[in-house]
Amino acid sequence: MSVQKLAEVLMELRNASISLGANPSEDSVKQLIQKYDILFLGNRFNAIYTSDLCHYLSTQGMVIAQETLNQAIPDLCIAIGMSCESTANASDVKKAKRPLSGYRIILY
């Protein structure tokens, strides 16, 4: 999967999230989640996780390994004006050096 295609998908997800508006209805949020099979989280429904993104991509015939996606996300987010935060598995919280499990992507 090309970085360009991944950028296009993230921009589509950003636009879909923005289209909800400032006060989205419960139905519009449900429709968005069902359309992409991704949980849109946060108080503005503008955050997604790479694990959900990886699943969505695979359902669209754009298979990419989670590790490959995790490697691409930080630089790609910077390039397209998004931010991301690393995440760890709950079982690793007490470890001094937590392995990366993915990213929380802030779409806008």
N, C-alpha and C. Protein backbone atom coordinates (compact mmCIF):
# COMPACT_ATOMS: atom_id res chain seq x y z
N MET A 1 0.85 -1.18 0.00
CA MET A 1 0.00 0.00 0.00
C MET A 1 0.89 1.24 0.00
N SER A 2 0.59 2.17 -0.86
CA SER A 2 1.41 3.37 -0.96
C SER A 2 1.08 4.37 0.15
N VAL A 3 2.05 5.17 0.47
CA VAL A 3 1.85 6.23 1.47
C VAL A 3 0.80 7.21 0.97
N GLN A 4 0.80 7.47 -0.33
CA GLN A 4 -0.18 8.39 -0.93
C GLN A 4 -1.60 7.87 -0.71
N LYS A 5 -1.82 6.58 -0.93
CA LYS A 5 -3.15 6.00 -0.75
C LYS A 5 -3.56 6.06 0.72
N LEU A 6 -2.64 5.78 1.60
CA LEU A 6 -2.92 5.86 3.03
C LEU A 6 -3.28 7.29 3.43
N ALA A 7 -2.57 8.26 2.88
CA ALA A 7 -2.88 9.67 3.15
C ALA A 7 -4.28 10.01 2.66
N GLU A 8 -4.66 9.50 1.49
CA GLU A 8 -6.00 9.75 0.95
C GLU A 8 -7.08 9.18 1.86
N VAL A 9 -6.84 7.99 2.39
CA VAL A 9 -7.81 7.36 3.29
C VAL A 9 -7.94 8.19 4.57
N LEU A 10 -6.83 8.62 5.13
CA LEU A 10 -6.88 9.43 6.36
C LEU A 10 -7.59 10.76 6.11
N MET A 11 -7.37 11.36 4.96
CA MET A 11 -8.05 12.61 4.63
C MET A 11 -9.56 12.38 4.47
N GLU A 12 -9.93 11.25 3.89
CA GLU A 12 -11.34 10.90 3.76
C GLU A 12 -11.98 10.74 5.14
N LEU A 13 -11.26 10.06 6.04
CA LEU A 13 -11.78 9.87 7.40
C LEU A 13 -11.89 11.21 8.12
N ARG A 14 -10.91 12.10 7.91
CA ARG A 14 -10.98 13.43 8.52
C ARG A 14 -12.22 14.17 8.02
N ASN A 15 -12.42 14.17 6.71
CA ASN A 15 -13.57 14.88 6.14
C ASN A 15 -14.89 14.29 6.62
N ALA A 16 -14.94 12.98 6.74
CA ALA A 16 -16.16 12.32 7.23
C ALA A 16 -16.44 12.72 8.67
N SER A 17 -15.40 12.79 9.48
CA SER A 17 -15.56 13.20 10.87
C SER A 17 -15.99 14.67 10.97
N ILE A 18 -15.36 15.52 10.18
CA ILE A 18 -15.72 16.94 10.18
C ILE A 18 -17.17 17.14 9.74
N SER A 19 -17.63 16.31 8.81
CA SER A 19 -18.99 16.46 8.29
C SER A 19 -20.06 16.22 9.35
N LEU A 20 -19.68 15.62 10.47
CA LEU A 20 -20.64 15.43 11.55
C LEU A 20 -21.11 16.77 12.12
N GLY A 21 -20.26 17.78 12.04
CA GLY A 21 -20.61 19.08 12.59
C GLY A 21 -20.34 19.16 14.07
N ALA A 22 -20.67 20.31 14.64
CA ALA A 22 -20.37 20.59 16.05
C ALA A 22 -21.24 19.80 17.01
N ASN A 23 -22.47 19.52 16.63
CA ASN A 23 -23.40 18.81 17.52
C ASN A 23 -24.06 17.66 16.77
N PRO A 24 -23.29 16.61 16.53
CA PRO A 24 -23.85 15.50 15.73
C PRO A 24 -24.92 14.73 16.49
N SER A 25 -25.86 14.21 15.74
CA SER A 25 -26.88 13.36 16.35
C SER A 25 -26.29 11.98 16.61
N GLU A 26 -26.93 11.27 17.49
CA GLU A 26 -26.50 9.91 17.79
C GLU A 26 -26.57 9.05 16.53
N ASP A 27 -27.61 9.26 15.72
CA ASP A 27 -27.76 8.50 14.48
C ASP A 27 -26.64 8.78 13.49
N SER A 28 -26.23 10.05 13.37
CA SER A 28 -25.17 10.37 12.40
C SER A 28 -23.84 9.77 12.83
N VAL A 29 -23.59 9.74 14.13
CA VAL A 29 -22.35 9.12 14.63
C VAL A 29 -22.39 7.61 14.37
N LYS A 30 -23.52 6.99 14.63
CA LYS A 30 -23.67 5.55 14.36
C LYS A 30 -23.48 5.24 12.89
N GLN A 31 -24.04 6.07 12.02
CA GLN A 31 -23.89 5.85 10.58
C GLN A 31 -22.43 5.95 10.15
N LEU A 32 -21.72 6.92 10.72
CA LEU A 32 -20.30 7.08 10.39
C LEU A 32 -19.50 5.85 10.83
N ILE A 33 -19.75 5.39 12.03
CA ILE A 33 -19.05 4.23 12.56
C ILE A 33 -19.38 2.98 11.72
N GLN A 34 -20.63 2.83 11.35
CA GLN A 34 -21.02 1.68 10.54
C GLN A 34 -20.43 1.75 9.14
N LYS A 35 -20.38 2.93 8.56
CA LYS A 35 -19.86 3.08 7.21
C LYS A 35 -18.41 2.64 7.11
N TYR A 36 -17.60 3.04 8.09
CA TYR A 36 -16.18 2.74 8.03
C TYR A 36 -15.76 1.57 8.93
N ASP A 37 -16.65 1.11 9.78
CA ASP A 37 -16.34 0.04 10.74
C ASP A 37 -15.13 0.44 11.58
N ILE A 38 -15.12 1.71 11.96
CA ILE A 38 -14.06 2.30 12.79
C ILE A 38 -14.74 3.07 13.91
N LEU A 39 -14.23 2.94 15.11
CA LEU A 39 -14.74 3.77 16.20
C LEU A 39 -14.13 5.16 16.08
N PHE A 40 -14.98 6.16 15.98
CA PHE A 40 -14.55 7.55 16.01
C PHE A 40 -14.77 8.01 17.44
N LEU A 41 -13.69 8.37 18.10
CA LEU A 41 -13.74 8.67 19.53
C LEU A 41 -13.37 10.12 19.80
N GLY A 42 -13.46 10.51 21.05
CA GLY A 42 -13.13 11.86 21.47
C GLY A 42 -14.38 12.72 21.51
N ASN A 43 -14.25 13.88 22.12
CA ASN A 43 -15.43 14.73 22.27
C ASN A 43 -15.90 15.32 20.94
N ARG A 44 -15.07 15.28 19.91
CA ARG A 44 -15.46 15.74 18.57
C ARG A 44 -15.51 14.58 17.57
N PHE A 45 -15.42 13.35 18.07
CA PHE A 45 -15.41 12.16 17.22
C PHE A 45 -14.33 12.30 16.14
N ASN A 46 -13.16 12.74 16.58
CA ASN A 46 -12.06 13.01 15.64
C ASN A 46 -10.81 12.19 15.93
N ALA A 47 -10.95 11.12 16.67
CA ALA A 47 -9.80 10.27 16.99
C ALA A 47 -10.11 8.83 16.60
N ILE A 48 -9.11 8.18 15.99
CA ILE A 48 -9.23 6.77 15.63
C ILE A 48 -7.95 6.06 16.06
N TYR A 49 -8.00 4.75 16.11
CA TYR A 49 -6.82 3.96 16.46
C TYR A 49 -6.32 3.19 15.25
N THR A 50 -5.00 2.99 15.20
CA THR A 50 -4.42 2.30 14.06
C THR A 50 -4.93 0.86 13.92
N SER A 51 -5.27 0.23 15.02
CA SER A 51 -5.80 -1.14 14.91
C SER A 51 -7.11 -1.14 14.14
N ASP A 52 -7.98 -0.15 14.40
CA ASP A 52 -9.24 -0.04 13.66
C ASP A 52 -8.97 0.34 12.21
N LEU A 53 -8.02 1.25 11.99
CA LEU A 53 -7.67 1.66 10.64
C LEU A 53 -7.16 0.47 9.83
N CYS A 54 -6.32 -0.33 10.44
CA CYS A 54 -5.76 -1.52 9.77
C CYS A 54 -6.89 -2.46 9.35
N HIS A 55 -7.86 -2.66 10.24
CA HIS A 55 -9.01 -3.50 9.93
C HIS A 55 -9.80 -2.91 8.76
N TYR A 56 -10.09 -1.62 8.81
CA TYR A 56 -10.84 -0.98 7.73
C TYR A 56 -10.13 -1.14 6.39
N LEU A 57 -8.83 -0.89 6.39
CA LEU A 57 -8.06 -1.01 5.16
C LEU A 57 -8.17 -2.41 4.57
N SER A 58 -8.11 -3.42 5.44
CA SER A 58 -8.19 -4.80 4.95
C SER A 58 -9.56 -5.10 4.35
N THR A 59 -10.62 -4.51 4.90
CA THR A 59 -11.96 -4.73 4.35
C THR A 59 -12.12 -4.06 2.99
N GLN A 60 -11.24 -3.12 2.68
CA GLN A 60 -11.28 -2.40 1.41
C GLN A 60 -10.27 -2.96 0.41
N GLY A 61 -9.67 -4.10 0.74
CA GLY A 61 -8.71 -4.73 -0.15
C GLY A 61 -7.33 -4.09 -0.11
N MET A 62 -7.09 -3.27 0.91
CA MET A 62 -5.79 -2.60 1.07
C MET A 62 -5.08 -3.19 2.28
N VAL A 63 -4.61 -4.39 2.14
CA VAL A 63 -4.01 -5.10 3.25
C VAL A 63 -2.64 -4.51 3.58
N ILE A 64 -2.44 -4.22 4.86
CA ILE A 64 -1.17 -3.70 5.35
C ILE A 64 -0.96 -4.28 6.75
N ALA A 65 0.24 -4.69 7.04
CA ALA A 65 0.54 -5.25 8.36
C ALA A 65 0.48 -4.13 9.40
N GLN A 66 0.01 -4.46 10.57
CA GLN A 66 -0.09 -3.48 11.67
C GLN A 66 1.27 -2.81 11.92
N GLU A 67 2.33 -3.59 11.90
CA GLU A 67 3.67 -3.05 12.16
C GLU A 67 4.08 -2.04 11.08
N THR A 68 3.75 -2.35 9.84
CA THR A 68 4.06 -1.45 8.73
C THR A 68 3.26 -0.16 8.86
N LEU A 69 2.01 -0.29 9.22
CA LEU A 69 1.16 0.88 9.43
C LEU A 69 1.71 1.73 10.57
N ASN A 70 2.09 1.08 11.66
CA ASN A 70 2.64 1.82 12.81
C ASN A 70 3.91 2.57 12.43
N GLN A 71 4.72 2.01 11.56
CA GLN A 71 5.95 2.69 11.14
C GLN A 71 5.64 3.91 10.28
N ALA A 72 4.60 3.85 9.49
CA ALA A 72 4.27 4.94 8.56
C ALA A 72 3.51 6.09 9.21
N ILE A 73 2.73 5.81 10.24
CA ILE A 73 1.80 6.81 10.77
C ILE A 73 2.46 8.09 11.31
N PRO A 74 3.49 8.05 12.13
CA PRO A 74 4.02 9.32 12.67
C PRO A 74 4.43 10.33 11.60
N ASP A 75 5.22 9.92 10.64
CA ASP A 75 5.67 10.85 9.59
C ASP A 75 4.50 11.27 8.69
N LEU A 76 3.61 10.34 8.40
CA LEU A 76 2.47 10.66 7.55
C LEU A 76 1.56 11.67 8.23
N CYS A 77 1.30 11.48 9.50
CA CYS A 77 0.43 12.42 10.23
C CYS A 77 1.02 13.83 10.20
N ILE A 78 2.31 13.94 10.41
CA ILE A 78 2.95 15.25 10.35
C ILE A 78 2.77 15.86 8.96
N ALA A 79 2.97 15.05 7.94
CA ALA A 79 2.90 15.54 6.55
C ALA A 79 1.51 16.05 6.18
N ILE A 80 0.46 15.46 6.75
CA ILE A 80 -0.90 15.87 6.38
C ILE A 80 -1.62 16.66 7.47
N GLY A 81 -0.87 17.11 8.45
CA GLY A 81 -1.44 18.00 9.46
C GLY A 81 -2.30 17.32 10.52
N MET A 82 -2.00 16.10 10.80
CA MET A 82 -2.69 15.38 11.87
C MET A 82 -1.68 15.10 12.97
N SER A 83 -2.16 14.70 14.11
CA SER A 83 -1.24 14.31 15.17
C SER A 83 -1.55 12.88 15.60
N CYS A 84 -0.60 12.27 16.27
CA CYS A 84 -0.81 10.92 16.76
C CYS A 84 -0.11 10.76 18.10
N GLU A 85 -0.63 9.84 18.88
CA GLU A 85 -0.07 9.53 20.19
C GLU A 85 0.14 8.02 20.26
N SER A 86 1.30 7.61 20.72
CA SER A 86 1.56 6.18 20.82
C SER A 86 0.69 5.55 21.90
N THR A 87 0.36 4.30 21.70
CA THR A 87 -0.44 3.55 22.67
C THR A 87 0.30 2.27 23.05
N ALA A 88 -0.05 1.76 24.20
CA ALA A 88 0.52 0.50 24.68
C ALA A 88 -0.62 -0.40 25.14
N ASN A 89 -0.37 -1.68 25.15
CA ASN A 89 -1.37 -2.61 25.67
C ASN A 89 -1.50 -2.44 27.17
N ALA A 90 -2.69 -2.63 27.69
CA ALA A 90 -2.94 -2.48 29.12
C ALA A 90 -2.04 -3.41 29.94
N SER A 91 -1.73 -4.56 29.41
CA SER A 91 -0.89 -5.51 30.14
C SER A 91 0.56 -5.02 30.27
N ASP A 92 0.93 -4.02 29.49
CA ASP A 92 2.29 -3.50 29.52
C ASP A 92 2.44 -2.20 30.31
N VAL A 93 1.37 -1.72 30.91
CA VAL A 93 1.38 -0.41 31.57
C VAL A 93 2.44 -0.32 32.66
N LYS A 94 2.67 -1.36 33.41
CA LYS A 94 3.62 -1.30 34.51
C LYS A 94 5.07 -1.50 34.08
N LYS A 95 5.29 -1.82 32.83
CA LYS A 95 6.65 -2.03 32.33
C LYS A 95 7.35 -0.68 32.14
N ALA A 96 8.62 -0.64 32.49
CA ALA A 96 9.39 0.59 32.32
C ALA A 96 9.50 0.96 30.85
N LYS A 97 9.71 -0.03 30.02
CA LYS A 97 9.81 0.18 28.58
C LYS A 97 8.65 -0.54 27.92
N ARG A 98 7.59 0.22 27.62
CA ARG A 98 6.39 -0.38 27.04
C ARG A 98 6.54 -0.54 25.52
N PRO A 99 6.26 -1.73 25.01
CA PRO A 99 6.28 -1.89 23.56
C PRO A 99 5.10 -1.14 22.92
N LEU A 100 5.33 -0.60 21.76
CA LEU A 100 4.31 0.13 21.02
C LEU A 100 3.25 -0.84 20.53
N SER A 101 1.99 -0.52 20.80
CA SER A 101 0.92 -1.37 20.26
C SER A 101 0.25 -0.69 19.06
N GLY A 102 0.37 0.63 18.98
CA GLY A 102 -0.26 1.35 17.88
C GLY A 102 -0.26 2.84 18.16
N TYR A 103 -1.16 3.54 17.46
CA TYR A 103 -1.29 4.98 17.62
C TYR A 103 -2.74 5.39 17.69
N ARG A 104 -2.98 6.43 18.43
CA ARG A 104 -4.25 7.14 18.41
C ARG A 104 -4.03 8.30 17.47
N ILE A 105 -4.80 8.36 16.41
CA ILE A 105 -4.66 9.40 15.39
C ILE A 105 -5.73 10.46 15.61
N ILE A 106 -5.29 11.69 15.76
CA ILE A 106 -6.21 12.82 15.91
C ILE A 106 -6.39 13.41 14.51
N LEU A 107 -7.56 13.24 13.95
CA LEU A 107 -7.81 13.60 12.56
C LEU A 107 -7.79 15.11 12.33
N TYR A 108 -8.24 15.87 13.31
CA TYR A 108 -8.21 17.34 13.25
C TYR A 108 -8.31 17.91 14.64
